[in-house]
Amino acid sequence: MTIEQRSFRDALGQFATGVTIITAAPKGHAAFGVTANSFASVSLDPPLVLWSLQKSSDTFEAFEQSTHFAVNILSQQQQDLSNQYAKKGSHDLVEEHFVAGETGLPLINNAIVSFECEIDACHDGGDHIIMVGKVVAMSDVDAQPALLFQAGKYRALASDSE
């Protein structure tokens, strides 16, 4: 059986995900970020997370040179940032959008939470690379509604009162 790529992508898009901006600042590169919804937790002990990056991404080379990355979970109020850092060629972070974290990694202002990670392992994943990071620092959690993505659109969870 052959699986048609567009149909497969559309089917996968039915799974609702949170939206993140993955940031880094390896030597020789300005602080940059890329919007990603391929984030997942892996382990509590040790604290591990993962995300995947398309090998054709214009940020691929910079991430290959990185030893660390940060995962910034976006709130519903940050859809504009998600859109901005999802655009090809638009990944240099605007100075007003971030602060330096405990490890010096750029962290998105007003994110729900940011995880500063040391790259633990990278795995080939077809047309993507899967990056596993050991969480070495974490911001305080600002409990607010998360930015969600499903079926090609931003979504919101229903409120508890509904």
C-alpha atoms as a PDB file:
ATOM      1  CA  MET A   1       0.000   0.000   0.000  1.00  0.00           C
ATOM      2  CA  THR A   2       1.291   3.449  -0.930  1.00  0.00           C
ATOM      3  CA  ILE A   3       0.488   6.333   1.369  1.00  0.00           C
ATOM      4  CA  GLU A   4       0.062   9.605  -0.469  1.00  0.00           C
ATOM      5  CA  GLN A   5       2.110  12.321   1.272  1.00  0.00           C
ATOM      6  CA  ARG A   6      -0.579  15.056   1.274  1.00  0.00           C
ATOM      7  CA  SER A   7      -3.244  12.680   2.628  1.00  0.00           C
ATOM      8  CA  PHE A   8      -0.840  11.478   5.330  1.00  0.00           C
ATOM      9  CA  ARG A   9      -0.009  15.068   6.327  1.00  0.00           C
ATOM     10  CA  ASP A  10      -3.709  15.977   6.491  1.00  0.00           C
ATOM     11  CA  ALA A  11      -4.441  12.893   8.611  1.00  0.00           C
ATOM     12  CA  LEU A  12      -1.623  13.712  11.033  1.00  0.00           C
ATOM     13  CA  GLY A  13      -2.948  17.270  11.258  1.00  0.00           C
ATOM     14  CA  GLN A  14      -6.092  15.958  12.920  1.00  0.00           C
ATOM     15  CA  PHE A  15      -4.049  15.484  16.090  1.00  0.00           C
ATOM     16  CA  ALA A  16      -4.223  18.683  18.158  1.00  0.00           C
ATOM     17  CA  THR A  17      -0.886  19.941  19.424  1.00  0.00           C
ATOM     18  CA  GLY A  18       0.488  22.785  21.433  1.00  0.00           C
ATOM     19  CA  VAL A  19       2.657  25.368  19.696  1.00  0.00           C
ATOM     20  CA  THR A  20       6.231  26.164  20.668  1.00  0.00           C
ATOM     21  CA  ILE A  21       9.081  28.324  19.524  1.00  0.00           C
ATOM     22  CA  ILE A  22      12.394  26.501  19.720  1.00  0.00           C
ATOM     23  CA  THR A  23      15.249  28.945  20.278  1.00  0.00           C
ATOM     24  CA  ALA A  24      19.022  28.731  20.200  1.00  0.00           C
ATOM     25  CA  ALA A  25      22.096  30.921  19.830  1.00  0.00           C
ATOM     26  CA  PRO A  26      25.116  28.828  18.786  1.00  0.00           C
ATOM     27  CA  LYS A  27      28.482  30.513  18.218  1.00  0.00           C
ATOM     28  CA  GLY A  28      28.498  32.453  14.981  1.00  0.00           C
ATOM     29  CA  HIS A  29      24.727  32.880  14.866  1.00  0.00           C
ATOM     30  CA  ALA A  30      22.378  35.535  16.156  1.00  0.00           C
ATOM     31  CA  ALA A  31      19.698  34.342  18.576  1.00  0.00           C
ATOM     32  CA  PHE A  32      17.018  32.661  16.484  1.00  0.00           C
ATOM     33  CA  GLY A  33      13.762  30.789  16.836  1.00  0.00           C
ATOM     34  CA  VAL A  34      11.553  28.486  14.829  1.00  0.00           C
ATOM     35  CA  THR A  35       7.895  27.649  15.399  1.00  0.00           C
ATOM     36  CA  ALA A  36       7.333  23.936  16.021  1.00  0.00           C
ATOM     37  CA  ASN A  37       4.470  21.733  17.134  1.00  0.00           C
ATOM     38  CA  SER A  38       6.556  18.544  17.173  1.00  0.00           C
ATOM     39  CA  PHE A  39       7.360  18.794  20.890  1.00  0.00           C
ATOM     40  CA  ALA A  40       6.898  15.918  23.360  1.00  0.00           C
ATOM     41  CA  SER A  41       7.999  14.862  26.814  1.00  0.00           C
ATOM     42  CA  VAL A  42      10.200  11.760  26.966  1.00  0.00           C
ATOM     43  CA  SER A  43      11.303  11.098  30.554  1.00  0.00           C
ATOM     44  CA  LEU A  44      10.981  12.518  34.054  1.00  0.00           C
ATOM     45  CA  ASP A  45      14.203  10.931  35.330  1.00  0.00           C
ATOM     46  CA  PRO A  46      16.328  12.224  33.765  1.00  0.00           C
ATOM     47  CA  PRO A  47      14.180  15.115  32.520  1.00  0.00           C
ATOM     48  CA  LEU A  48      14.124  14.674  28.725  1.00  0.00           C
ATOM     49  CA  VAL A  49      12.060  16.278  25.965  1.00  0.00           C
ATOM     50  CA  LEU A  50      12.175  16.019  22.192  1.00  0.00           C
ATOM     51  CA  TRP A  51      11.234  17.900  19.082  1.00  0.00           C
ATOM     52  CA  SER A  52      11.877  17.381  15.392  1.00  0.00           C
ATOM     53  CA  LEU A  53      13.124  19.683  12.655  1.00  0.00           C
ATOM     54  CA  GLN A  54      12.716  19.244   8.925  1.00  0.00           C
ATOM     55  CA  LYS A  55      16.118  18.680   7.325  1.00  0.00           C
ATOM     56  CA  SER A  56      15.296  21.217   4.584  1.00  0.00           C
ATOM     57  CA  SER A  57      14.630  23.965   7.179  1.00  0.00           C
ATOM     58  CA  ASP A  58      16.662  27.128   6.758  1.00  0.00           C
ATOM     59  CA  THR A  59      17.576  26.751  10.463  1.00  0.00           C
ATOM     60  CA  PHE A  60      18.885  23.180  10.111  1.00  0.00           C
ATOM     61  CA  GLU A  61      22.577  24.128   9.864  1.00  0.00           C
ATOM     62  CA  ALA A  62      22.376  26.439  12.881  1.00  0.00           C
ATOM     63  CA  PHE A  63      20.690  23.740  14.986  1.00  0.00           C
ATOM     64  CA  GLU A  64      23.361  21.263  13.868  1.00  0.00           C
ATOM     65  CA  GLN A  65      25.942  23.628  15.382  1.00  0.00           C
ATOM     66  CA  SER A  66      23.971  24.030  18.608  1.00  0.00           C
ATOM     67  CA  THR A  67      24.763  22.211  21.838  1.00  0.00           C
ATOM     68  CA  HIS A  68      21.655  23.619  23.537  1.00  0.00           C
ATOM     69  CA  PHE A  69      18.132  24.696  22.648  1.00  0.00           C
ATOM     70  CA  ALA A  70      15.130  26.080  24.517  1.00  0.00           C
ATOM     71  CA  VAL A  71      11.502  25.049  24.125  1.00  0.00           C
ATOM     72  CA  ASN A  72       9.060  27.908  24.729  1.00  0.00           C
ATOM     73  CA  ILE A  73       5.400  26.885  25.049  1.00  0.00           C
ATOM     74  CA  LEU A  74       3.202  29.630  23.638  1.00  0.00           C
ATOM     75  CA  SER A  75      -0.021  31.037  25.053  1.00  0.00           C
ATOM     76  CA  GLN A  76      -3.129  31.894  23.024  1.00  0.00           C
ATOM     77  CA  GLN A  77      -1.965  35.510  23.143  1.00  0.00           C
ATOM     78  CA  GLN A  78       1.187  34.669  21.155  1.00  0.00           C
ATOM     79  CA  GLN A  79      -0.250  33.612  17.807  1.00  0.00           C
ATOM     80  CA  ASP A  80       1.518  36.550  16.140  1.00  0.00           C
ATOM     81  CA  LEU A  81       4.893  35.247  17.367  1.00  0.00           C
ATOM     82  CA  SER A  82       4.044  31.760  16.142  1.00  0.00           C
ATOM     83  CA  ASN A  83       3.284  33.152  12.690  1.00  0.00           C
ATOM     84  CA  GLN A  84       6.377  35.363  12.619  1.00  0.00           C
ATOM     85  CA  TYR A  85       8.894  32.640  13.466  1.00  0.00           C
ATOM     86  CA  ALA A  86       7.213  30.065  11.208  1.00  0.00           C
ATOM     87  CA  LYS A  87       8.151  32.010   8.068  1.00  0.00           C
ATOM     88  CA  LYS A  88      11.129  30.861   6.039  1.00  0.00           C
ATOM     89  CA  GLY A  89      13.930  33.428   6.352  1.00  0.00           C
ATOM     90  CA  SER A  90      12.324  35.099   9.391  1.00  0.00           C
ATOM     91  CA  HIS A  91      13.997  33.356  12.307  1.00  0.00           C
ATOM     92  CA  ASP A  92      16.319  35.964  13.836  1.00  0.00           C
ATOM     93  CA  LEU A  93      14.726  36.864  17.156  1.00  0.00           C
ATOM     94  CA  VAL A  94      13.557  40.427  17.613  1.00  0.00           C
ATOM     95  CA  GLU A  95      15.295  41.815  20.711  1.00  0.00           C
ATOM     96  CA  GLU A  96      11.985  42.744  22.364  1.00  0.00           C
ATOM     97  CA  HIS A  97      10.712  39.163  22.083  1.00  0.00           C
ATOM     98  CA  PHE A  98      13.204  37.415  24.372  1.00  0.00           C
ATOM     99  CA  VAL A  99      15.405  37.482  27.447  1.00  0.00           C
ATOM    100  CA  ALA A 100      18.447  35.389  28.327  1.00  0.00           C
ATOM    101  CA  GLY A 101      17.679  32.349  30.478  1.00  0.00           C
ATOM    102  CA  GLU A 102      19.794  30.788  33.213  1.00  0.00           C
ATOM    103  CA  THR A 103      22.048  29.137  30.627  1.00  0.00           C
ATOM    104  CA  GLY A 104      22.136  32.180  28.358  1.00  0.00           C
ATOM    105  CA  LEU A 105      19.662  30.688  25.881  1.00  0.00           C
ATOM    106  CA  PRO A 106      17.088  33.083  24.440  1.00  0.00           C
ATOM    107  CA  LEU A 107      13.678  32.582  26.096  1.00  0.00           C
ATOM    108  CA  ILE A 108      10.474  33.970  24.605  1.00  0.00           C
ATOM    109  CA  ASN A 109       8.885  36.632  26.804  1.00  0.00           C
ATOM    110  CA  ASN A 110       5.548  35.677  28.371  1.00  0.00           C
ATOM    111  CA  ALA A 111       5.704  32.024  27.284  1.00  0.00           C
ATOM    112  CA  ILE A 112       3.710  29.677  29.482  1.00  0.00           C
ATOM    113  CA  VAL A 113       6.959  27.903  30.367  1.00  0.00           C
ATOM    114  CA  SER A 114      10.432  27.614  28.842  1.00  0.00           C
ATOM    115  CA  PHE A 115      12.729  24.607  29.074  1.00  0.00           C
ATOM    116  CA  GLU A 116      16.463  25.135  28.607  1.00  0.00           C
ATOM    117  CA  CYS A 117      17.979  21.946  27.213  1.00  0.00           C
ATOM    118  CA  GLU A 118      21.354  20.441  26.511  1.00  0.00           C
ATOM    119  CA  ILE A 119      21.249  18.237  23.420  1.00  0.00           C
ATOM    120  CA  ASP A 120      21.354  14.643  24.652  1.00  0.00           C
ATOM    121  CA  ALA A 121      20.908  12.799  21.343  1.00  0.00           C
ATOM    122  CA  CYS A 122      19.896  13.337  17.733  1.00  0.00           C
ATOM    123  CA  HIS A 123      18.187  10.654  15.670  1.00  0.00           C
ATOM    124  CA  ASP A 124      17.487  10.383  11.979  1.00  0.00           C
ATOM    125  CA  GLY A 125      13.764  10.595  11.376  1.00  0.00           C
ATOM    126  CA  GLY A 126      13.357  10.405   7.594  1.00  0.00           C
ATOM    127  CA  ASP A 127      13.036  13.956   6.322  1.00  0.00           C
ATOM    128  CA  HIS A 128      13.407  15.240   9.921  1.00  0.00           C
ATOM    129  CA  ILE A 129      16.022  15.106  12.661  1.00  0.00           C
ATOM    130  CA  ILE A 130      14.732  14.238  16.133  1.00  0.00           C
ATOM    131  CA  MET A 131      16.489  16.209  18.869  1.00  0.00           C
ATOM    132  CA  VAL A 132      16.336  14.905  22.414  1.00  0.00           C
ATOM    133  CA  GLY A 133      17.250  17.448  25.063  1.00  0.00           C
ATOM    134  CA  LYS A 134      18.064  17.079  28.728  1.00  0.00           C
ATOM    135  CA  VAL A 135      16.276  19.856  30.601  1.00  0.00           C
ATOM    136  CA  VAL A 136      18.887  21.748  32.645  1.00  0.00           C
ATOM    137  CA  ALA A 137      16.739  24.754  33.627  1.00  0.00           C
ATOM    138  CA  MET A 138      13.072  25.648  33.564  1.00  0.00           C
ATOM    139  CA  SER A 139      11.227  28.934  33.950  1.00  0.00           C
ATOM    140  CA  ASP A 140       8.316  29.384  36.325  1.00  0.00           C
ATOM    141  CA  VAL A 141       5.017  28.209  34.863  1.00  0.00           C
ATOM    142  CA  ASP A 142       2.575  30.999  33.952  1.00  0.00           C
ATOM    143  CA  ALA A 143      -0.674  29.002  33.817  1.00  0.00           C
ATOM    144  CA  GLN A 144      -2.655  30.524  30.963  1.00  0.00           C
ATOM    145  CA  PRO A 145      -4.492  29.052  27.973  1.00  0.00           C
ATOM    146  CA  ALA A 146      -2.085  27.422  25.498  1.00  0.00           C
ATOM    147  CA  LEU A 147      -1.930  28.143  21.788  1.00  0.00           C
ATOM    148  CA  LEU A 148      -3.176  25.026  19.994  1.00  0.00           C
ATOM    149  CA  PHE A 149      -2.999  23.884  16.373  1.00  0.00           C
ATOM    150  CA  GLN A 150      -5.225  21.298  14.688  1.00  0.00           C
ATOM    151  CA  ALA A 151      -6.290  20.636  11.081  1.00  0.00           C
ATOM    152  CA  GLY A 152      -4.286  23.580   9.771  1.00  0.00           C
ATOM    153  CA  LYS A 153      -5.806  26.160  12.138  1.00  0.00           C
ATOM    154  CA  TYR A 154      -5.167  27.665  15.533  1.00  0.00           C
ATOM    155  CA  ARG A 155      -7.640  26.414  18.112  1.00  0.00           C
ATOM    156  CA  ALA A 156      -8.689  27.094  21.693  1.00  0.00           C
ATOM    157  CA  LEU A 157      -9.860  24.752  24.407  1.00  0.00           C
ATOM    158  CA  ALA A 158     -13.366  25.213  25.684  1.00  0.00           C
ATOM    159  CA  SER A 159     -13.467  26.931  29.045  1.00  0.00           C
ATOM    160  CA  ASP A 160     -14.284  24.984  32.196  1.00  0.00           C
ATOM    161  CA  SER A 161     -17.626  26.781  32.477  1.00  0.00           C
ATOM    162  CA  GLU A 162     -18.896  25.389  29.145  1.00  0.00           C
END
